[in-house]
Amino acid sequence: MIPVDVLGVFFVAAIALGLAPGPDNIFVLTQSALYGRLAGLVVTLGLCTGLIFHSAAVALGVAAIFQTSALAFSLLKFAGAAYLVYLAVQAFRAGSSKINGNSAPEISLPALYVRGIIMNVTNPKVAIFFLAFLPQFADPARGSVPLQILMFGGLFIIATILVFGGVALGAGSLGGYLKRSPSAQVWLNRLAGVVFVGLAVRLAIAER
């Protein structure tokens, strides 16, 4: 049984980490502003599904591969960067369609959910962060270490949902204004495209 004080310290640390500016919460911010609160919440669920993958990887020791293998790390990060560039192109094209007087293409909630998963899973920095962070709170004297890591991973996901959900709700309030202002929609799409390109570059040049 993990002591309550250990769980409390871990949860506070997880909240603080969620609040720190990073690719994931910026992603939630842009998607919420573009498509509304519900879209942001769905993206958040997608990102958290990716965290389930990372938690399981740490528990099974798979994440260690990305820490020790330069090839595995590079392949995953470039795949993630390529996906972000794809999202940037989609955002810029959506902006252009508004200029031409057509409505921007709708994005389904399942598609946004998948975006969140891919965004998180293809970031090897998250895998290595979990590998370094979660085991610090596990203690072999308390029983199965993999089980403890999964429990901490679950608690981290709860903290992430709370923080990113708040970001989604806050940024989603822009949705009503954007629907009344086509020009604002265009510029926000362009801004989102620039953000995606910046995140892609940041991921592409990341080191282990």
N, C-alpha and C. Protein backbone atom coordinates (compact mmCIF):
# COMPACT_ATOMS: atom_id res chain seq x y z
N MET A 1 0.84 -1.19 0.00
CA MET A 1 0.00 0.00 0.00
C MET A 1 0.88 1.24 0.00
N ILE A 2 0.64 2.15 -0.94
CA ILE A 2 1.44 3.37 -1.02
C ILE A 2 0.92 4.37 0.01
N PRO A 3 1.79 4.91 0.87
CA PRO A 3 1.37 5.86 1.89
C PRO A 3 0.67 7.08 1.29
N VAL A 4 -0.29 7.61 2.02
CA VAL A 4 -1.06 8.76 1.54
C VAL A 4 -0.15 9.97 1.32
N ASP A 5 0.85 10.16 2.19
CA ASP A 5 1.73 11.33 2.04
C ASP A 5 2.54 11.25 0.75
N VAL A 6 2.95 10.03 0.38
CA VAL A 6 3.70 9.86 -0.87
C VAL A 6 2.79 10.17 -2.06
N LEU A 7 1.56 9.68 -2.01
CA LEU A 7 0.61 9.96 -3.08
C LEU A 7 0.33 11.46 -3.18
N GLY A 8 0.24 12.13 -2.03
CA GLY A 8 -0.02 13.57 -2.02
C GLY A 8 1.11 14.35 -2.67
N VAL A 9 2.35 14.01 -2.29
CA VAL A 9 3.52 14.70 -2.87
C VAL A 9 3.56 14.47 -4.37
N PHE A 10 3.32 13.23 -4.78
CA PHE A 10 3.35 12.90 -6.20
C PHE A 10 2.27 13.69 -6.96
N PHE A 11 1.07 13.77 -6.39
CA PHE A 11 -0.04 14.44 -7.07
C PHE A 11 0.25 15.93 -7.22
N VAL A 12 0.80 16.56 -6.19
CA VAL A 12 1.15 17.98 -6.26
C VAL A 12 2.21 18.20 -7.34
N ALA A 13 3.21 17.30 -7.38
CA ALA A 13 4.25 17.40 -8.41
C ALA A 13 3.65 17.25 -9.80
N ALA A 14 2.71 16.32 -9.94
CA ALA A 14 2.08 16.10 -11.25
C ALA A 14 1.27 17.31 -11.69
N ILE A 15 0.56 17.94 -10.75
CA ILE A 15 -0.19 19.16 -11.07
C ILE A 15 0.76 20.27 -11.53
N ALA A 16 1.86 20.43 -10.82
CA ALA A 16 2.83 21.46 -11.16
C ALA A 16 3.43 21.22 -12.54
N LEU A 17 3.72 19.97 -12.84
CA LEU A 17 4.27 19.63 -14.15
C LEU A 17 3.25 19.88 -15.26
N GLY A 18 1.99 19.61 -14.98
CA GLY A 18 0.94 19.86 -15.97
C GLY A 18 0.77 21.34 -16.26
N LEU A 19 0.99 22.18 -15.25
CA LEU A 19 0.84 23.62 -15.41
C LEU A 19 2.01 24.25 -16.14
N ALA A 20 3.17 23.59 -16.11
CA ALA A 20 4.35 24.14 -16.79
C ALA A 20 4.11 24.16 -18.30
N PRO A 21 4.40 25.28 -18.97
CA PRO A 21 4.17 25.35 -20.42
C PRO A 21 4.92 24.26 -21.16
N GLY A 22 4.23 23.57 -22.05
CA GLY A 22 4.84 22.49 -22.81
C GLY A 22 4.02 22.18 -24.04
N PRO A 23 4.52 21.28 -24.90
CA PRO A 23 3.82 20.98 -26.15
C PRO A 23 2.39 20.50 -25.95
N ASP A 24 2.15 19.67 -24.94
CA ASP A 24 0.82 19.09 -24.76
C ASP A 24 -0.23 20.12 -24.37
N ASN A 25 0.08 20.95 -23.36
CA ASN A 25 -0.95 21.92 -22.97
C ASN A 25 -1.11 23.03 -24.00
N ILE A 26 -0.05 23.33 -24.76
CA ILE A 26 -0.19 24.28 -25.86
C ILE A 26 -1.09 23.69 -26.94
N PHE A 27 -0.94 22.39 -27.17
CA PHE A 27 -1.77 21.70 -28.15
C PHE A 27 -3.25 21.75 -27.75
N VAL A 28 -3.51 21.49 -26.47
CA VAL A 28 -4.89 21.57 -25.97
C VAL A 28 -5.42 22.99 -26.12
N LEU A 29 -4.60 23.97 -25.82
CA LEU A 29 -4.99 25.38 -25.92
C LEU A 29 -5.42 25.76 -27.33
N THR A 30 -4.59 25.40 -28.31
CA THR A 30 -4.90 25.78 -29.69
C THR A 30 -6.13 25.04 -30.22
N GLN A 31 -6.23 23.74 -29.93
CA GLN A 31 -7.37 22.98 -30.43
C GLN A 31 -8.68 23.43 -29.78
N SER A 32 -8.63 23.79 -28.50
CA SER A 32 -9.83 24.27 -27.80
C SER A 32 -10.28 25.61 -28.36
N ALA A 33 -9.31 26.49 -28.62
CA ALA A 33 -9.65 27.80 -29.15
C ALA A 33 -10.24 27.69 -30.56
N LEU A 34 -9.74 26.73 -31.34
CA LEU A 34 -10.22 26.57 -32.71
C LEU A 34 -11.57 25.88 -32.79
N TYR A 35 -11.75 24.83 -31.99
CA TYR A 35 -12.91 23.95 -32.17
C TYR A 35 -13.87 23.90 -30.98
N GLY A 36 -13.52 24.58 -29.88
CA GLY A 36 -14.43 24.63 -28.75
C GLY A 36 -14.02 23.78 -27.56
N ARG A 37 -14.76 23.94 -26.45
CA ARG A 37 -14.43 23.27 -25.20
C ARG A 37 -14.45 21.75 -25.34
N LEU A 38 -15.50 21.23 -25.96
CA LEU A 38 -15.63 19.77 -26.07
C LEU A 38 -14.46 19.18 -26.85
N ALA A 39 -14.06 19.87 -27.91
CA ALA A 39 -12.92 19.41 -28.69
C ALA A 39 -11.66 19.36 -27.83
N GLY A 40 -11.46 20.40 -27.01
CA GLY A 40 -10.29 20.43 -26.13
C GLY A 40 -10.30 19.30 -25.12
N LEU A 41 -11.48 19.01 -24.60
CA LEU A 41 -11.59 17.91 -23.63
C LEU A 41 -11.30 16.57 -24.30
N VAL A 42 -11.76 16.41 -25.54
CA VAL A 42 -11.50 15.16 -26.27
C VAL A 42 -10.01 15.02 -26.57
N VAL A 43 -9.36 16.11 -26.96
CA VAL A 43 -7.91 16.09 -27.18
C VAL A 43 -7.19 15.71 -25.88
N THR A 44 -7.67 16.27 -24.77
CA THR A 44 -7.09 15.94 -23.46
C THR A 44 -7.19 14.44 -23.18
N LEU A 45 -8.34 13.85 -23.48
CA LEU A 45 -8.51 12.41 -23.28
C LEU A 45 -7.56 11.63 -24.18
N GLY A 46 -7.34 12.12 -25.40
CA GLY A 46 -6.39 11.47 -26.30
C GLY A 46 -4.98 11.51 -25.75
N LEU A 47 -4.58 12.68 -25.26
CA LEU A 47 -3.24 12.83 -24.66
C LEU A 47 -3.08 11.90 -23.47
N CYS A 48 -4.12 11.79 -22.66
CA CYS A 48 -4.05 10.94 -21.47
C CYS A 48 -4.04 9.45 -21.84
N THR A 49 -4.67 9.11 -22.96
CA THR A 49 -4.56 7.73 -23.45
C THR A 49 -3.11 7.44 -23.81
N GLY A 50 -2.43 8.43 -24.38
CA GLY A 50 -1.00 8.27 -24.66
C GLY A 50 -0.20 8.07 -23.38
N LEU A 51 -0.61 8.74 -22.30
CA LEU A 51 0.09 8.57 -21.02
C LEU A 51 -0.09 7.16 -20.47
N ILE A 52 -1.23 6.53 -20.77
CA ILE A 52 -1.42 5.12 -20.37
C ILE A 52 -0.36 4.27 -21.04
N PHE A 53 -0.12 4.54 -22.33
CA PHE A 53 0.91 3.81 -23.07
C PHE A 53 2.28 4.00 -22.41
N HIS A 54 2.62 5.25 -22.08
CA HIS A 54 3.93 5.53 -21.48
C HIS A 54 4.06 4.89 -20.10
N SER A 55 2.99 4.92 -19.31
CA SER A 55 3.03 4.29 -17.99
C SER A 55 3.28 2.79 -18.11
N ALA A 56 2.57 2.16 -19.04
CA ALA A 56 2.75 0.72 -19.25
C ALA A 56 4.16 0.43 -19.75
N ALA A 57 4.68 1.31 -20.60
CA ALA A 57 6.03 1.10 -21.14
C ALA A 57 7.07 1.16 -20.03
N VAL A 58 6.91 2.09 -19.10
CA VAL A 58 7.85 2.19 -17.98
C VAL A 58 7.73 0.95 -17.08
N ALA A 59 6.49 0.55 -16.82
CA ALA A 59 6.27 -0.62 -15.97
C ALA A 59 6.89 -1.87 -16.57
N LEU A 60 6.87 -1.96 -17.89
CA LEU A 60 7.41 -3.15 -18.57
C LEU A 60 8.89 -2.99 -18.94
N GLY A 61 9.42 -1.78 -18.76
CA GLY A 61 10.83 -1.54 -19.08
C GLY A 61 11.08 -1.17 -20.52
N VAL A 62 10.03 -1.05 -21.32
CA VAL A 62 10.20 -0.74 -22.74
C VAL A 62 10.77 0.66 -22.94
N ALA A 63 10.39 1.61 -22.08
CA ALA A 63 10.84 2.99 -22.24
C ALA A 63 12.35 3.11 -22.16
N ALA A 64 12.99 2.13 -21.50
CA ALA A 64 14.45 2.17 -21.39
C ALA A 64 15.11 2.09 -22.77
N ILE A 65 14.41 1.48 -23.73
CA ILE A 65 14.95 1.37 -25.09
C ILE A 65 15.19 2.75 -25.68
N PHE A 66 14.25 3.66 -25.46
CA PHE A 66 14.37 5.00 -26.04
C PHE A 66 15.46 5.81 -25.34
N GLN A 67 15.81 5.40 -24.13
CA GLN A 67 16.87 6.09 -23.41
C GLN A 67 18.24 5.58 -23.84
N THR A 68 18.31 4.33 -24.26
CA THR A 68 19.60 3.72 -24.59
C THR A 68 19.85 3.61 -26.09
N SER A 69 18.80 3.64 -26.91
CA SER A 69 18.95 3.48 -28.35
C SER A 69 18.73 4.80 -29.06
N ALA A 70 19.80 5.33 -29.66
CA ALA A 70 19.70 6.59 -30.40
C ALA A 70 18.80 6.43 -31.62
N LEU A 71 18.85 5.26 -32.26
CA LEU A 71 18.04 5.03 -33.45
C LEU A 71 16.55 5.03 -33.11
N ALA A 72 16.17 4.31 -32.06
CA ALA A 72 14.76 4.26 -31.66
C ALA A 72 14.26 5.64 -31.28
N PHE A 73 15.08 6.38 -30.55
CA PHE A 73 14.69 7.73 -30.14
C PHE A 73 14.49 8.62 -31.36
N SER A 74 15.42 8.56 -32.31
CA SER A 74 15.35 9.41 -33.49
C SER A 74 14.16 9.07 -34.37
N LEU A 75 13.91 7.78 -34.56
CA LEU A 75 12.78 7.36 -35.40
C LEU A 75 11.45 7.87 -34.83
N LEU A 76 11.30 7.74 -33.52
CA LEU A 76 10.04 8.14 -32.91
C LEU A 76 9.88 9.66 -32.93
N LYS A 77 10.94 10.39 -32.64
CA LYS A 77 10.81 11.85 -32.59
C LYS A 77 10.56 12.43 -33.98
N PHE A 78 11.19 11.86 -35.02
CA PHE A 78 10.96 12.38 -36.37
C PHE A 78 9.56 12.02 -36.87
N ALA A 79 9.05 10.88 -36.43
CA ALA A 79 7.67 10.54 -36.76
C ALA A 79 6.72 11.55 -36.13
N GLY A 80 6.98 11.91 -34.89
CA GLY A 80 6.16 12.91 -34.21
C GLY A 80 6.28 14.27 -34.86
N ALA A 81 7.50 14.65 -35.25
CA ALA A 81 7.70 15.95 -35.90
C ALA A 81 6.98 16.00 -37.24
N ALA A 82 7.03 14.89 -37.99
CA ALA A 82 6.34 14.83 -39.29
C ALA A 82 4.83 14.99 -39.11
N TYR A 83 4.30 14.38 -38.07
CA TYR A 83 2.86 14.50 -37.82
C TYR A 83 2.48 15.94 -37.47
N LEU A 84 3.32 16.61 -36.70
CA LEU A 84 3.06 18.01 -36.34
C LEU A 84 3.12 18.90 -37.58
N VAL A 85 4.04 18.61 -38.50
CA VAL A 85 4.11 19.38 -39.75
C VAL A 85 2.83 19.16 -40.56
N TYR A 86 2.34 17.93 -40.57
CA TYR A 86 1.07 17.62 -41.24
C TYR A 86 -0.07 18.46 -40.64
N LEU A 87 -0.13 18.53 -39.32
CA LEU A 87 -1.16 19.34 -38.66
C LEU A 87 -1.00 20.81 -39.02
N ALA A 88 0.25 21.27 -39.13
CA ALA A 88 0.50 22.67 -39.49
C ALA A 88 -0.05 22.96 -40.89
N VAL A 89 0.21 22.04 -41.83
CA VAL A 89 -0.29 22.22 -43.20
C VAL A 89 -1.82 22.27 -43.21
N GLN A 90 -2.45 21.38 -42.42
CA GLN A 90 -3.90 21.37 -42.34
C GLN A 90 -4.44 22.69 -41.79
N ALA A 91 -3.74 23.23 -40.78
CA ALA A 91 -4.17 24.50 -40.17
C ALA A 91 -4.04 25.65 -41.17
N PHE A 92 -2.93 25.70 -41.91
CA PHE A 92 -2.75 26.77 -42.89
C PHE A 92 -3.78 26.66 -44.02
N ARG A 93 -4.09 25.44 -44.43
CA ARG A 93 -5.09 25.24 -45.48
C ARG A 93 -6.47 25.66 -44.99
N ALA A 94 -6.77 25.40 -43.73
CA ALA A 94 -8.06 25.81 -43.17
C ALA A 94 -8.17 27.32 -43.19
N GLY A 95 -7.07 28.01 -42.88
CA GLY A 95 -7.08 29.46 -42.91
C GLY A 95 -7.33 30.00 -44.31
N SER A 96 -6.73 29.37 -45.32
CA SER A 96 -6.91 29.79 -46.70
C SER A 96 -8.34 29.60 -47.16
N SER A 97 -8.97 28.52 -46.71
CA SER A 97 -10.34 28.26 -47.13
C SER A 97 -11.28 29.33 -46.61
N LYS A 98 -10.98 29.88 -45.43
CA LYS A 98 -11.80 30.96 -44.90
C LYS A 98 -11.66 32.22 -45.76
N ILE A 99 -10.43 32.46 -46.22
CA ILE A 99 -10.20 33.65 -47.02
C ILE A 99 -10.99 33.58 -48.32
N ASN A 100 -11.09 32.37 -48.87
CA ASN A 100 -11.81 32.19 -50.12
C ASN A 100 -13.32 32.18 -49.94
N GLY A 101 -13.78 32.31 -48.68
CA GLY A 101 -15.20 32.40 -48.43
C GLY A 101 -15.86 31.07 -48.13
N ASN A 102 -15.10 30.00 -48.08
CA ASN A 102 -15.66 28.69 -47.77
C ASN A 102 -15.49 28.39 -46.29
N SER A 103 -16.31 27.52 -45.79
CA SER A 103 -16.20 27.16 -44.38
C SER A 103 -15.02 26.25 -44.16
N ALA A 104 -14.36 26.38 -43.03
CA ALA A 104 -13.23 25.52 -42.70
C ALA A 104 -13.72 24.09 -42.51
N PRO A 105 -12.89 23.10 -42.91
CA PRO A 105 -13.31 21.72 -42.79
C PRO A 105 -13.55 21.34 -41.34
N GLU A 106 -14.65 20.65 -41.09
CA GLU A 106 -14.95 20.19 -39.75
C GLU A 106 -14.04 19.02 -39.38
N ILE A 107 -13.68 18.94 -38.11
CA ILE A 107 -12.88 17.83 -37.62
C ILE A 107 -13.71 17.08 -36.60
N SER A 108 -13.86 15.78 -36.81
CA SER A 108 -14.70 14.99 -35.92
C SER A 108 -14.02 14.80 -34.57
N LEU A 109 -14.82 14.51 -33.56
CA LEU A 109 -14.27 14.27 -32.23
C LEU A 109 -13.34 13.06 -32.21
N PRO A 110 -13.68 11.95 -32.89
CA PRO A 110 -12.73 10.83 -32.93
C PRO A 110 -11.38 11.22 -33.54
N ALA A 111 -11.42 12.08 -34.58
CA ALA A 111 -10.17 12.52 -35.20
C ALA A 111 -9.34 13.34 -34.22
N LEU A 112 -10.00 14.19 -33.44
CA LEU A 112 -9.29 14.99 -32.44
C LEU A 112 -8.72 14.09 -31.34
N TYR A 113 -9.47 13.06 -30.98
CA TYR A 113 -8.99 12.10 -29.98
C TYR A 113 -7.72 11.41 -30.47
N VAL A 114 -7.74 10.99 -31.73
CA VAL A 114 -6.56 10.33 -32.31
C VAL A 114 -5.39 11.30 -32.38
N ARG A 115 -5.67 12.57 -32.69
CA ARG A 115 -4.61 13.57 -32.70
C ARG A 115 -3.89 13.61 -31.34
N GLY A 116 -4.68 13.61 -30.28
CA GLY A 116 -4.10 13.66 -28.94
C GLY A 116 -3.23 12.45 -28.66
N ILE A 117 -3.70 11.27 -29.05
CA ILE A 117 -2.92 10.05 -28.82
C ILE A 117 -1.59 10.11 -29.56
N ILE A 118 -1.66 10.42 -30.87
CA ILE A 118 -0.44 10.45 -31.68
C ILE A 118 0.53 11.50 -31.17
N MET A 119 0.00 12.67 -30.84
CA MET A 119 0.83 13.76 -30.32
C MET A 119 1.63 13.31 -29.10
N ASN A 120 1.00 12.54 -28.21
CA ASN A 120 1.66 12.12 -26.97
C ASN A 120 2.57 10.91 -27.18
N VAL A 121 2.08 9.91 -27.88
CA VAL A 121 2.83 8.66 -28.03
C VAL A 121 4.11 8.86 -28.83
N THR A 122 4.07 9.76 -29.84
CA THR A 122 5.25 9.95 -30.69
C THR A 122 6.26 10.93 -30.11
N ASN A 123 6.09 11.29 -28.86
CA ASN A 123 7.07 12.17 -28.20
C ASN A 123 7.93 11.34 -27.26
N PRO A 124 9.15 10.96 -27.70
CA PRO A 124 10.00 10.11 -26.85
C PRO A 124 10.44 10.80 -25.57
N LYS A 125 10.37 12.14 -25.54
CA LYS A 125 10.74 12.86 -24.32
C LYS A 125 9.78 12.51 -23.19
N VAL A 126 8.52 12.25 -23.53
CA VAL A 126 7.55 11.86 -22.51
C VAL A 126 7.91 10.49 -21.94
N ALA A 127 8.31 9.56 -22.83
CA ALA A 127 8.69 8.22 -22.38
C ALA A 127 9.87 8.28 -21.43
N ILE A 128 10.87 9.09 -21.80
CA ILE A 128 12.06 9.19 -20.96
C ILE A 128 11.74 9.93 -19.66
N PHE A 129 10.88 10.94 -19.73
CA PHE A 129 10.47 11.65 -18.52
C PHE A 129 9.78 10.69 -17.55
N PHE A 130 8.85 9.90 -18.05
CA PHE A 130 8.17 8.93 -17.19
C PHE A 130 9.14 7.92 -16.62
N LEU A 131 10.12 7.51 -17.43
CA LEU A 131 11.12 6.55 -16.96
C LEU A 131 11.95 7.12 -15.82
N ALA A 132 12.19 8.44 -15.86
CA ALA A 132 12.98 9.07 -14.81
C ALA A 132 12.13 9.48 -13.61
N PHE A 133 10.86 9.82 -13.86
CA PHE A 133 10.02 10.41 -12.82
C PHE A 133 9.27 9.37 -11.98
N LEU A 134 8.56 8.47 -12.62
CA LEU A 134 7.70 7.53 -11.88
C LEU A 134 8.46 6.62 -10.91
N PRO A 135 9.59 6.02 -11.33
CA PRO A 135 10.28 5.10 -10.41
C PRO A 135 10.80 5.75 -9.13
N GLN A 136 10.94 7.09 -9.15
CA GLN A 136 11.43 7.77 -7.95
C GLN A 136 10.49 7.58 -6.76
N PHE A 137 9.22 7.36 -7.06
CA PHE A 137 8.22 7.26 -6.00
C PHE A 137 7.87 5.81 -5.65
N ALA A 138 8.44 4.87 -6.41
CA ALA A 138 8.17 3.45 -6.15
C ALA A 138 9.17 2.91 -5.13
N ASP A 139 8.73 2.00 -4.30
CA ASP A 139 9.58 1.41 -3.27
C ASP A 139 9.36 -0.10 -3.27
N PRO A 140 10.40 -0.88 -3.56
CA PRO A 140 10.27 -2.34 -3.59
C PRO A 140 9.73 -2.91 -2.28
N ALA A 141 9.96 -2.20 -1.19
CA ALA A 141 9.48 -2.69 0.11
C ALA A 141 7.95 -2.67 0.19
N ARG A 142 7.30 -1.92 -0.70
CA ARG A 142 5.84 -1.82 -0.68
C ARG A 142 5.17 -2.81 -1.63
N GLY A 143 5.96 -3.69 -2.25
CA GLY A 143 5.39 -4.69 -3.14
C GLY A 143 5.83 -4.50 -4.58
N SER A 144 5.01 -4.96 -5.50
CA SER A 144 5.34 -4.95 -6.93
C SER A 144 5.63 -3.54 -7.43
N VAL A 145 6.85 -3.34 -7.94
CA VAL A 145 7.22 -2.03 -8.48
C VAL A 145 6.43 -1.70 -9.75
N PRO A 146 6.29 -2.65 -10.70
CA PRO A 146 5.47 -2.34 -11.89
C PRO A 146 4.05 -1.91 -11.54
N LEU A 147 3.45 -2.56 -10.54
CA LEU A 147 2.10 -2.20 -10.13
C LEU A 147 2.08 -0.79 -9.54
N GLN A 148 3.08 -0.45 -8.74
CA GLN A 148 3.16 0.89 -8.17
C GLN A 148 3.31 1.95 -9.28
N ILE A 149 4.14 1.63 -10.27
CA ILE A 149 4.35 2.57 -11.37
C ILE A 149 3.05 2.80 -12.14
N LEU A 150 2.28 1.74 -12.34
CA LEU A 150 0.99 1.89 -13.01
C LEU A 150 0.04 2.75 -12.18
N MET A 151 0.09 2.59 -10.85
CA MET A 151 -0.75 3.40 -9.98
C MET A 151 -0.34 4.87 -10.04
N PHE A 152 0.96 5.12 -10.02
CA PHE A 152 1.43 6.50 -10.12
C PHE A 152 1.09 7.08 -11.50
N GLY A 153 1.19 6.24 -12.53
CA GLY A 153 0.82 6.69 -13.86
C GLY A 153 -0.65 7.09 -13.92
N GLY A 154 -1.50 6.30 -13.27
CA GLY A 154 -2.93 6.63 -13.22
C GLY A 154 -3.19 7.93 -12.49
N LEU A 155 -2.46 8.16 -11.39
CA LEU A 155 -2.63 9.40 -10.64
C LEU A 155 -2.13 10.60 -11.46
N PHE A 156 -1.06 10.40 -12.21
CA PHE A 156 -0.54 11.45 -13.08
C PHE A 156 -1.58 11.81 -14.14
N ILE A 157 -2.26 10.80 -14.66
CA ILE A 157 -3.29 11.04 -15.67
C ILE A 157 -4.45 11.84 -15.09
N ILE A 158 -4.84 11.54 -13.86
CA ILE A 158 -5.92 12.30 -13.21
C ILE A 158 -5.52 13.77 -13.08
N ALA A 159 -4.27 14.01 -12.66
CA ALA A 159 -3.78 15.38 -12.52
C ALA A 159 -3.77 16.08 -13.88
N THR A 160 -3.38 15.35 -14.91
CA THR A 160 -3.33 15.92 -16.26
C THR A 160 -4.72 16.28 -16.76
N ILE A 161 -5.69 15.42 -16.50
CA ILE A 161 -7.07 15.71 -16.91
C ILE A 161 -7.57 16.98 -16.24
N LEU A 162 -7.27 17.14 -14.96
CA LEU A 162 -7.72 18.33 -14.24
C LEU A 162 -7.10 19.61 -14.81
N VAL A 163 -5.79 19.56 -15.05
CA VAL A 163 -5.09 20.75 -15.54
C VAL A 163 -5.46 21.05 -16.99
N PHE A 164 -5.33 20.05 -17.85
CA PHE A 164 -5.60 20.27 -19.27
C PHE A 164 -7.09 20.52 -19.51
N GLY A 165 -7.95 19.89 -18.67
CA GLY A 165 -9.38 20.16 -18.78
C GLY A 165 -9.68 21.61 -18.49
N GLY A 166 -8.99 22.18 -17.50
CA GLY A 166 -9.14 23.59 -17.19
C GLY A 166 -8.69 24.47 -18.34
N VAL A 167 -7.57 24.08 -18.97
CA VAL A 167 -7.07 24.82 -20.13
C VAL A 167 -8.10 24.76 -21.26
N ALA A 168 -8.66 23.57 -21.49
CA ALA A 168 -9.65 23.40 -22.57
C ALA A 168 -10.88 24.26 -22.33
N LEU A 169 -11.37 24.28 -21.11
CA LEU A 169 -12.57 25.06 -20.79
C LEU A 169 -12.30 26.55 -20.94
N GLY A 170 -11.12 26.98 -20.50
CA GLY A 170 -10.78 28.40 -20.59
C GLY A 170 -10.60 28.85 -22.03
N ALA A 171 -9.82 28.08 -22.79
CA ALA A 171 -9.55 28.47 -24.18
C ALA A 171 -10.80 28.29 -25.04
N GLY A 172 -11.65 27.33 -24.68
CA GLY A 172 -12.85 27.09 -25.45
C GLY A 172 -13.82 28.25 -25.44
N SER A 173 -13.69 29.12 -24.46
CA SER A 173 -14.58 30.28 -24.40
C SER A 173 -14.37 31.21 -25.59
N LEU A 174 -13.23 31.05 -26.29
CA LEU A 174 -12.98 31.87 -27.47
C LEU A 174 -13.81 31.39 -28.65
N GLY A 175 -14.33 30.15 -28.56
CA GLY A 175 -15.03 29.57 -29.69
C GLY A 175 -16.20 30.39 -30.18
N GLY A 176 -17.01 30.91 -29.26
CA GLY A 176 -18.17 31.70 -29.66
C GLY A 176 -17.77 32.94 -30.42
N TYR A 177 -16.72 33.61 -29.95
CA TYR A 177 -16.24 34.81 -30.64
C TYR A 177 -15.74 34.47 -32.04
N LEU A 178 -15.00 33.34 -32.14
CA LEU A 178 -14.44 32.97 -33.43
C LEU A 178 -15.53 32.66 -34.45
N LYS A 179 -16.63 32.05 -33.98
CA LYS A 179 -17.72 31.74 -34.90
C LYS A 179 -18.35 33.01 -35.46
N ARG A 180 -18.28 34.10 -34.70
CA ARG A 180 -18.85 35.36 -35.15
C ARG A 180 -17.85 36.20 -35.94
N SER A 181 -16.59 35.74 -35.95
CA SER A 181 -15.54 36.53 -36.62
C SER A 181 -14.71 35.63 -37.54
N PRO A 182 -15.07 35.54 -38.82
CA PRO A 182 -14.31 34.71 -39.76
C PRO A 182 -12.84 35.10 -39.84
N SER A 183 -12.56 36.40 -39.79
CA SER A 183 -11.16 36.83 -39.90
C SER A 183 -10.35 36.35 -38.70
N ALA A 184 -10.96 36.35 -37.51
CA ALA A 184 -10.27 35.85 -36.32
C ALA A 184 -9.99 34.36 -36.46
N GLN A 185 -10.94 33.63 -37.06
CA GLN A 185 -10.76 32.20 -37.29
C GLN A 185 -9.55 31.96 -38.20
N VAL A 186 -9.44 32.77 -39.25
CA VAL A 186 -8.32 32.64 -40.18
C VAL A 186 -6.99 32.84 -39.46
N TRP A 187 -6.92 33.92 -38.69
CA TRP A 187 -5.65 34.22 -38.02
C TRP A 187 -5.32 33.20 -36.94
N LEU A 188 -6.34 32.67 -36.27
CA LEU A 188 -6.05 31.66 -35.27
C LEU A 188 -5.58 30.36 -35.92
N ASN A 189 -6.16 30.03 -37.09
CA ASN A 189 -5.67 28.87 -37.82
C ASN A 189 -4.20 29.05 -38.21
N ARG A 190 -3.87 30.25 -38.65
CA ARG A 190 -2.48 30.53 -39.02
C ARG A 190 -1.57 30.44 -37.79
N LEU A 191 -2.06 31.00 -36.67
CA LEU A 191 -1.28 30.94 -35.44
C LEU A 191 -1.07 29.48 -35.02
N ALA A 192 -2.14 28.68 -35.13
CA ALA A 192 -2.02 27.27 -34.78
C ALA A 192 -0.99 26.58 -35.68
N GLY A 193 -0.99 26.94 -36.97
CA GLY A 193 -0.01 26.37 -37.89
C GLY A 193 1.41 26.70 -37.48
N VAL A 194 1.63 27.96 -37.10
CA VAL A 194 2.96 28.38 -36.65
C VAL A 194 3.36 27.62 -35.38
N VAL A 195 2.40 27.46 -34.46
CA VAL A 195 2.67 26.73 -33.22
C VAL A 195 3.06 25.28 -33.53
N PHE A 196 2.33 24.64 -34.44
CA PHE A 196 2.64 23.26 -34.80
C PHE A 196 4.03 23.14 -35.42
N VAL A 197 4.39 24.10 -36.27
CA VAL A 197 5.72 24.08 -36.87
C VAL A 197 6.79 24.23 -35.78
N GLY A 198 6.53 25.16 -34.85
CA GLY A 198 7.48 25.36 -33.75
C GLY A 198 7.64 24.12 -32.90
N LEU A 199 6.53 23.45 -32.60
CA LEU A 199 6.59 22.21 -31.82
C LEU A 199 7.32 21.12 -32.59
N ALA A 200 7.11 21.07 -33.92
CA ALA A 200 7.79 20.07 -34.74
C ALA A 200 9.30 20.28 -34.71
N VAL A 201 9.72 21.54 -34.84
CA VAL A 201 11.16 21.85 -34.80
C VAL A 201 11.73 21.49 -33.43
N ARG A 202 10.99 21.86 -32.39
CA ARG A 202 11.45 21.57 -31.03
C ARG A 202 11.62 20.07 -30.81
N LEU A 203 10.67 19.28 -31.32
CA LEU A 203 10.77 17.84 -31.17
C LEU A 203 11.90 17.27 -32.02
N ALA A 204 12.05 17.78 -33.23
CA ALA A 204 13.07 17.26 -34.15
C ALA A 204 14.48 17.46 -33.63
N ILE A 205 14.72 18.56 -32.90
CA ILE A 205 16.06 18.84 -32.41
C ILE A 205 16.27 18.37 -30.97
N ALA A 206 15.25 17.73 -30.40
CA ALA A 206 15.35 17.25 -29.02
C ALA A 206 16.43 16.18 -28.91
N GLU A 207 17.12 16.18 -27.80
CA GLU A 207 18.13 15.18 -27.52
C GLU A 207 17.72 14.37 -26.31
N ARG A 208 18.27 13.16 -26.22
CA ARG A 208 17.92 12.30 -25.08
C ARG A 208 18.46 12.87 -23.78
